[in-house]
Every structure is written in C-alpha cells, then in structure tokens.
Amino acid sequence: MRRTFALGALLVAAGLAQAQSTGPIRLLVGFPAGAGTDALARTIADKLKDELGAPVVVENRAGAGGQIAAQYLKTAPADGHVFFVSHDHTISILPAVTKNPGFNPAADFTPVAGIATFSNVLAVSGGT
C-alpha cells in the first residue's frame, strides 16, 4: 500500500512537471549504475515513462556517498523535472557527519515520496 502511494505521489509530481514543459523528467542517482538505488530508479523510470508517455532519464552522478548528485540537485532548476532518488545516508547521515556537504536537505530540497524501505542488520561470524 505504501509503495503504491509513493509511486502515485511521484506520478502526480512528474505529471505536473510534464504538463508545464516538454523536457524529459530526470531521476538523479548518486550511486553507480547497477547499484540498488540505480535499480530502483530504473524501475520507477519505466513506470513513469509508461504512465506519462514521456521520456524519463536515469542520470547517475556517482560519488561521495551521493553528495555529488545532491549538490547537483541543489543547482538544478526548481521546475519539477529533476528528482533525486536517494536513501538516508545522503539526506540524513552525510550532513550530520560532514562539515560542509554543500547542501542542506531541509532548506534546499522538497521531499516528494518515500519509495522503499530497507533493513540494516549487524552480523558476526557463526564459526567456532
């Protein structure tokens, strides 16, 4: 249910952007092609493309734990055509542990939707 709502929110935002202009919708990913965030962005891009009948491009700007893509998003036009597909590291952890990450998530970005939930675990060897 939550995933359906998140995709719906993204569709609405992207649809509004597409109605305002004919440019492609861009999904920024701060990690390399083939990584988990990239795979998720490409799945969303396919759905958006089908629903909107408009081009949706996944743009990998890998490096610095997503910081490069986040800095790029900060300078992108606020026209609703550029979205940042990221996870908690870039948005909450990086600004807390980096002196000047080059962006302030609360001031520079507008959240659109949560799109996935991941579990993190701590494991140790079970061997003797």
N, C-alpha and C. Protein backbone atom coordinates (compact mmCIF):
# COMPACT_ATOMS: atom_id res chain seq x y z
N MET A 1 0.83 -1.19 0.00
CA MET A 1 0.00 0.00 0.00
C MET A 1 0.87 1.26 0.00
N ARG A 2 1.89 1.27 0.87
CA ARG A 2 2.77 2.43 0.97
C ARG A 2 3.51 2.65 -0.34
N ARG A 3 3.96 1.56 -0.97
CA ARG A 3 4.68 1.66 -2.23
C ARG A 3 3.78 2.23 -3.33
N THR A 4 2.52 1.82 -3.34
CA THR A 4 1.56 2.32 -4.32
C THR A 4 1.34 3.82 -4.12
N PHE A 5 1.21 4.25 -2.87
CA PHE A 5 1.03 5.67 -2.57
C PHE A 5 2.25 6.47 -3.01
N ALA A 6 3.45 5.96 -2.71
CA ALA A 6 4.68 6.66 -3.06
C ALA A 6 4.80 6.81 -4.57
N LEU A 7 4.52 5.73 -5.30
CA LEU A 7 4.59 5.81 -6.76
C LEU A 7 3.53 6.77 -7.29
N GLY A 8 2.36 6.77 -6.67
CA GLY A 8 1.30 7.70 -7.06
C GLY A 8 1.71 9.15 -6.86
N ALA A 9 2.34 9.44 -5.72
CA ALA A 9 2.81 10.80 -5.44
C ALA A 9 3.86 11.23 -6.45
N LEU A 10 4.75 10.32 -6.79
CA LEU A 10 5.77 10.64 -7.77
C LEU A 10 5.15 10.84 -9.16
N LEU A 11 4.16 10.04 -9.50
CA LEU A 11 3.46 10.21 -10.78
C LEU A 11 2.77 11.57 -10.86
N VAL A 12 2.14 11.98 -9.78
CA VAL A 12 1.47 13.28 -9.77
C VAL A 12 2.49 14.39 -9.96
N ALA A 13 3.58 14.34 -9.19
CA ALA A 13 4.61 15.38 -9.30
C ALA A 13 5.22 15.40 -10.69
N ALA A 14 5.53 14.24 -11.21
CA ALA A 14 6.13 14.17 -12.54
C ALA A 14 5.13 14.60 -13.61
N GLY A 15 3.87 14.24 -13.43
CA GLY A 15 2.83 14.64 -14.39
C GLY A 15 2.66 16.14 -14.43
N LEU A 16 2.72 16.78 -13.27
CA LEU A 16 2.62 18.24 -13.22
C LEU A 16 3.82 18.87 -13.94
N ALA A 17 5.00 18.30 -13.72
CA ALA A 17 6.19 18.82 -14.38
C ALA A 17 6.08 18.66 -15.89
N GLN A 18 5.60 17.51 -16.32
CA GLN A 18 5.48 17.25 -17.75
C GLN A 18 4.44 18.16 -18.39
N ALA A 19 3.38 18.51 -17.65
CA ALA A 19 2.34 19.38 -18.19
C ALA A 19 2.87 20.80 -18.40
N GLN A 20 3.88 21.20 -17.62
CA GLN A 20 4.41 22.55 -17.70
C GLN A 20 5.44 22.70 -18.82
N SER A 21 6.02 21.61 -19.28
CA SER A 21 7.08 21.70 -20.28
C SER A 21 7.19 20.37 -21.03
N THR A 22 7.93 20.40 -22.10
CA THR A 22 8.10 19.18 -22.88
C THR A 22 9.44 18.51 -22.61
N GLY A 23 10.23 19.01 -21.70
CA GLY A 23 11.52 18.40 -21.40
C GLY A 23 11.37 17.07 -20.70
N PRO A 24 12.41 16.23 -20.75
CA PRO A 24 12.34 14.93 -20.08
C PRO A 24 12.38 15.09 -18.56
N ILE A 25 11.85 14.12 -17.89
CA ILE A 25 11.95 14.05 -16.43
C ILE A 25 13.24 13.31 -16.13
N ARG A 26 14.03 13.84 -15.21
CA ARG A 26 15.34 13.26 -14.89
C ARG A 26 15.32 12.76 -13.46
N LEU A 27 15.76 11.53 -13.27
CA LEU A 27 15.91 10.95 -11.94
C LEU A 27 17.40 10.86 -11.65
N LEU A 28 17.89 11.70 -10.73
CA LEU A 28 19.30 11.67 -10.34
C LEU A 28 19.53 10.53 -9.37
N VAL A 29 20.64 9.82 -9.55
CA VAL A 29 21.05 8.76 -8.63
C VAL A 29 22.49 9.04 -8.25
N GLY A 30 22.79 9.08 -6.99
CA GLY A 30 24.13 9.40 -6.52
C GLY A 30 25.04 8.20 -6.38
N PHE A 31 24.68 7.11 -7.04
CA PHE A 31 25.45 5.88 -6.93
C PHE A 31 25.64 5.27 -8.31
N PRO A 32 26.59 4.35 -8.47
CA PRO A 32 26.89 3.82 -9.80
C PRO A 32 25.74 3.01 -10.41
N ALA A 33 25.77 2.92 -11.73
CA ALA A 33 24.81 2.08 -12.45
C ALA A 33 24.96 0.64 -11.95
N GLY A 34 23.83 0.01 -11.72
CA GLY A 34 23.83 -1.37 -11.24
C GLY A 34 23.69 -1.50 -9.74
N ALA A 35 23.89 -0.42 -9.01
CA ALA A 35 23.71 -0.46 -7.55
C ALA A 35 22.22 -0.50 -7.22
N GLY A 36 21.89 -0.77 -5.97
CA GLY A 36 20.50 -0.91 -5.56
C GLY A 36 19.65 0.32 -5.83
N THR A 37 20.17 1.49 -5.54
CA THR A 37 19.41 2.72 -5.76
C THR A 37 19.19 2.94 -7.25
N ASP A 38 20.18 2.61 -8.07
CA ASP A 38 20.04 2.72 -9.52
C ASP A 38 18.96 1.78 -10.04
N ALA A 39 18.96 0.56 -9.56
CA ALA A 39 17.95 -0.42 -9.99
C ALA A 39 16.55 0.06 -9.64
N LEU A 40 16.39 0.60 -8.45
CA LEU A 40 15.10 1.14 -8.03
C LEU A 40 14.69 2.31 -8.92
N ALA A 41 15.61 3.22 -9.20
CA ALA A 41 15.32 4.38 -10.05
C ALA A 41 14.92 3.95 -11.45
N ARG A 42 15.57 2.93 -11.99
CA ARG A 42 15.24 2.46 -13.34
C ARG A 42 13.86 1.80 -13.38
N THR A 43 13.48 1.13 -12.31
CA THR A 43 12.13 0.55 -12.23
C THR A 43 11.09 1.66 -12.21
N ILE A 44 11.34 2.69 -11.41
CA ILE A 44 10.42 3.82 -11.33
C ILE A 44 10.36 4.55 -12.68
N ALA A 45 11.52 4.73 -13.31
CA ALA A 45 11.57 5.43 -14.61
C ALA A 45 10.71 4.70 -15.64
N ASP A 46 10.79 3.38 -15.67
CA ASP A 46 9.98 2.61 -16.63
C ASP A 46 8.49 2.82 -16.38
N LYS A 47 8.08 2.81 -15.12
CA LYS A 47 6.67 3.02 -14.79
C LYS A 47 6.22 4.43 -15.15
N LEU A 48 7.05 5.42 -14.82
CA LEU A 48 6.70 6.81 -15.14
C LEU A 48 6.59 7.01 -16.65
N LYS A 49 7.54 6.46 -17.38
CA LYS A 49 7.53 6.59 -18.84
C LYS A 49 6.23 6.02 -19.42
N ASP A 50 5.84 4.86 -18.93
CA ASP A 50 4.61 4.23 -19.41
C ASP A 50 3.37 5.04 -19.04
N GLU A 51 3.33 5.53 -17.81
CA GLU A 51 2.17 6.27 -17.33
C GLU A 51 2.04 7.65 -17.97
N LEU A 52 3.18 8.32 -18.17
CA LEU A 52 3.15 9.69 -18.67
C LEU A 52 3.29 9.77 -20.19
N GLY A 53 3.80 8.71 -20.79
CA GLY A 53 4.05 8.76 -22.22
C GLY A 53 5.11 9.78 -22.58
N ALA A 54 6.04 9.98 -21.66
CA ALA A 54 7.09 10.99 -21.84
C ALA A 54 8.43 10.37 -21.44
N PRO A 55 9.52 10.92 -21.95
CA PRO A 55 10.83 10.36 -21.60
C PRO A 55 11.18 10.60 -20.13
N VAL A 56 11.73 9.57 -19.50
CA VAL A 56 12.23 9.65 -18.13
C VAL A 56 13.64 9.08 -18.16
N VAL A 57 14.60 9.88 -17.75
CA VAL A 57 16.01 9.52 -17.86
C VAL A 57 16.59 9.33 -16.46
N VAL A 58 17.28 8.21 -16.25
CA VAL A 58 18.03 8.00 -15.01
C VAL A 58 19.43 8.51 -15.26
N GLU A 59 19.87 9.42 -14.41
CA GLU A 59 21.16 10.07 -14.58
C GLU A 59 22.02 9.76 -13.36
N ASN A 60 23.04 8.92 -13.54
CA ASN A 60 23.93 8.55 -12.45
C ASN A 60 25.01 9.62 -12.28
N ARG A 61 25.06 10.18 -11.10
CA ARG A 61 26.11 11.13 -10.73
C ARG A 61 26.75 10.59 -9.46
N ALA A 62 27.47 9.49 -9.66
CA ALA A 62 28.01 8.72 -8.55
C ALA A 62 29.19 9.42 -7.87
N GLY A 63 29.31 9.15 -6.59
CA GLY A 63 30.48 9.61 -5.84
C GLY A 63 30.13 10.29 -4.55
N ALA A 64 31.05 10.15 -3.61
CA ALA A 64 30.96 10.81 -2.31
C ALA A 64 29.67 10.45 -1.56
N GLY A 65 29.23 9.22 -1.70
CA GLY A 65 28.04 8.76 -0.97
C GLY A 65 26.77 9.49 -1.37
N GLY A 66 26.68 9.92 -2.61
CA GLY A 66 25.50 10.63 -3.09
C GLY A 66 25.64 12.15 -3.02
N GLN A 67 26.71 12.62 -2.44
CA GLN A 67 26.92 14.06 -2.26
C GLN A 67 27.00 14.81 -3.59
N ILE A 68 27.63 14.23 -4.59
CA ILE A 68 27.76 14.90 -5.89
C ILE A 68 26.39 15.11 -6.52
N ALA A 69 25.54 14.09 -6.49
CA ALA A 69 24.19 14.22 -7.04
C ALA A 69 23.36 15.22 -6.25
N ALA A 70 23.50 15.20 -4.93
CA ALA A 70 22.73 16.14 -4.09
C ALA A 70 23.15 17.58 -4.37
N GLN A 71 24.44 17.83 -4.53
CA GLN A 71 24.91 19.17 -4.86
C GLN A 71 24.38 19.60 -6.23
N TYR A 72 24.33 18.67 -7.16
CA TYR A 72 23.79 18.98 -8.49
C TYR A 72 22.30 19.32 -8.39
N LEU A 73 21.57 18.55 -7.61
CA LEU A 73 20.14 18.82 -7.43
C LEU A 73 19.91 20.23 -6.88
N LYS A 74 20.75 20.64 -5.96
CA LYS A 74 20.62 21.98 -5.37
C LYS A 74 20.70 23.06 -6.44
N THR A 75 21.50 22.85 -7.49
CA THR A 75 21.66 23.86 -8.53
C THR A 75 20.69 23.69 -9.69
N ALA A 76 19.94 22.58 -9.70
CA ALA A 76 19.01 22.32 -10.80
C ALA A 76 17.82 23.29 -10.73
N PRO A 77 17.24 23.62 -11.86
CA PRO A 77 16.06 24.49 -11.84
C PRO A 77 14.92 23.84 -11.04
N ALA A 78 14.20 24.65 -10.31
CA ALA A 78 13.08 24.15 -9.50
C ALA A 78 11.82 24.08 -10.35
N ASP A 79 11.91 23.29 -11.44
CA ASP A 79 10.78 23.21 -12.36
C ASP A 79 10.05 21.87 -12.29
N GLY A 80 10.44 21.02 -11.34
CA GLY A 80 9.77 19.74 -11.18
C GLY A 80 10.19 18.68 -12.17
N HIS A 81 11.24 18.93 -12.92
CA HIS A 81 11.71 17.94 -13.90
C HIS A 81 12.88 17.10 -13.38
N VAL A 82 13.49 17.52 -12.29
CA VAL A 82 14.65 16.81 -11.76
C VAL A 82 14.30 16.30 -10.37
N PHE A 83 14.40 14.97 -10.21
CA PHE A 83 14.14 14.31 -8.93
C PHE A 83 15.41 13.62 -8.48
N PHE A 84 15.57 13.47 -7.18
CA PHE A 84 16.74 12.80 -6.61
C PHE A 84 16.28 11.52 -5.94
N VAL A 85 16.70 10.38 -6.46
CA VAL A 85 16.39 9.09 -5.85
C VAL A 85 17.57 8.74 -4.96
N SER A 86 17.37 8.79 -3.67
CA SER A 86 18.46 8.58 -2.74
C SER A 86 17.98 7.77 -1.54
N HIS A 87 18.85 7.65 -0.57
CA HIS A 87 18.47 6.97 0.67
C HIS A 87 18.97 7.76 1.86
N ASP A 88 18.74 7.25 3.03
CA ASP A 88 19.01 8.00 4.25
C ASP A 88 20.45 8.47 4.40
N HIS A 89 21.39 7.75 3.84
CA HIS A 89 22.79 8.15 4.00
C HIS A 89 23.03 9.56 3.49
N THR A 90 22.60 9.84 2.28
CA THR A 90 22.87 11.14 1.66
C THR A 90 22.07 12.25 2.32
N ILE A 91 20.83 11.97 2.67
CA ILE A 91 19.94 13.01 3.16
C ILE A 91 20.06 13.27 4.66
N SER A 92 20.35 12.26 5.46
CA SER A 92 20.38 12.48 6.90
C SER A 92 21.74 12.24 7.55
N ILE A 93 22.46 11.22 7.12
CA ILE A 93 23.73 10.90 7.77
C ILE A 93 24.85 11.81 7.27
N LEU A 94 25.00 11.94 5.97
CA LEU A 94 26.07 12.74 5.39
C LEU A 94 26.10 14.18 5.93
N PRO A 95 24.97 14.89 5.96
CA PRO A 95 25.01 16.25 6.51
C PRO A 95 25.37 16.30 8.00
N ALA A 96 25.12 15.21 8.71
CA ALA A 96 25.44 15.19 10.14
C ALA A 96 26.91 14.92 10.42
N VAL A 97 27.60 14.25 9.50
CA VAL A 97 29.00 13.88 9.74
C VAL A 97 30.00 14.62 8.86
N THR A 98 29.50 15.44 7.95
CA THR A 98 30.37 16.20 7.05
C THR A 98 30.26 17.68 7.41
N LYS A 99 31.41 18.33 7.53
CA LYS A 99 31.42 19.74 7.93
C LYS A 99 30.62 20.62 6.98
N ASN A 100 30.85 20.47 5.68
CA ASN A 100 30.11 21.26 4.70
C ASN A 100 29.78 20.38 3.50
N PRO A 101 28.63 19.68 3.53
CA PRO A 101 28.31 18.80 2.40
C PRO A 101 27.91 19.53 1.13
N GLY A 102 27.70 20.85 1.20
CA GLY A 102 27.33 21.62 0.01
C GLY A 102 25.83 21.70 -0.21
N PHE A 103 25.05 21.21 0.72
CA PHE A 103 23.60 21.29 0.64
C PHE A 103 23.00 21.11 2.02
N ASN A 104 21.80 21.64 2.19
CA ASN A 104 21.04 21.46 3.42
C ASN A 104 19.72 20.81 3.02
N PRO A 105 19.52 19.52 3.33
CA PRO A 105 18.32 18.83 2.87
C PRO A 105 17.02 19.54 3.26
N ALA A 106 16.97 20.08 4.46
CA ALA A 106 15.73 20.73 4.92
C ALA A 106 15.44 22.03 4.18
N ALA A 107 16.47 22.75 3.79
CA ALA A 107 16.29 24.05 3.15
C ALA A 107 16.35 23.99 1.63
N ASP A 108 17.14 23.06 1.10
CA ASP A 108 17.40 23.04 -0.34
C ASP A 108 16.51 22.09 -1.14
N PHE A 109 15.87 21.13 -0.47
CA PHE A 109 15.09 20.11 -1.18
C PHE A 109 13.65 20.07 -0.68
N THR A 110 12.76 19.61 -1.54
CA THR A 110 11.37 19.38 -1.17
C THR A 110 11.09 17.89 -1.29
N PRO A 111 10.79 17.22 -0.17
CA PRO A 111 10.52 15.78 -0.26
C PRO A 111 9.25 15.51 -1.05
N VAL A 112 9.26 14.45 -1.84
CA VAL A 112 8.10 14.09 -2.66
C VAL A 112 7.45 12.83 -2.13
N ALA A 113 8.22 11.76 -1.96
CA ALA A 113 7.64 10.50 -1.51
C ALA A 113 8.73 9.55 -1.05
N GLY A 114 8.39 8.71 -0.09
CA GLY A 114 9.23 7.58 0.26
C GLY A 114 8.90 6.47 -0.73
N ILE A 115 9.91 5.79 -1.25
CA ILE A 115 9.64 4.80 -2.28
C ILE A 115 10.09 3.40 -1.92
N ALA A 116 10.87 3.24 -0.86
CA ALA A 116 11.32 1.90 -0.48
C ALA A 116 11.75 1.90 0.98
N THR A 117 11.75 0.73 1.56
CA THR A 117 12.23 0.54 2.93
C THR A 117 13.24 -0.58 2.91
N PHE A 118 14.36 -0.36 3.55
CA PHE A 118 15.42 -1.36 3.62
C PHE A 118 15.71 -1.67 5.08
N SER A 119 16.11 -2.89 5.34
CA SER A 119 16.51 -3.29 6.69
C SER A 119 18.04 -3.33 6.75
N ASN A 120 18.57 -2.82 7.84
CA ASN A 120 20.01 -2.90 8.07
C ASN A 120 20.22 -3.86 9.23
N VAL A 121 21.23 -4.71 9.13
CA VAL A 121 21.49 -5.67 10.19
C VAL A 121 22.96 -5.63 10.57
N LEU A 122 23.24 -6.13 11.76
CA LEU A 122 24.60 -6.31 12.23
C LEU A 122 24.79 -7.80 12.40
N ALA A 123 25.83 -8.36 11.81
CA ALA A 123 26.05 -9.80 11.88
C ALA A 123 27.49 -10.10 12.32
N VAL A 124 27.67 -11.24 12.92
CA VAL A 124 29.00 -11.72 13.30
C VAL A 124 29.16 -13.15 12.79
N SER A 125 30.37 -13.61 12.74
CA SER A 125 30.64 -14.97 12.29
C SER A 125 30.01 -15.98 13.22
N GLY A 126 29.42 -17.02 12.65
CA GLY A 126 28.84 -18.10 13.45
C GLY A 126 29.81 -19.24 13.64
N GLY A 127 31.00 -19.12 13.06
CA GLY A 127 32.01 -20.19 13.15
C GLY A 127 32.65 -20.26 14.52
N THR A 128 33.33 -21.36 14.76
CA THR A 128 33.99 -21.52 16.05
C THR A 128 35.46 -21.22 15.97
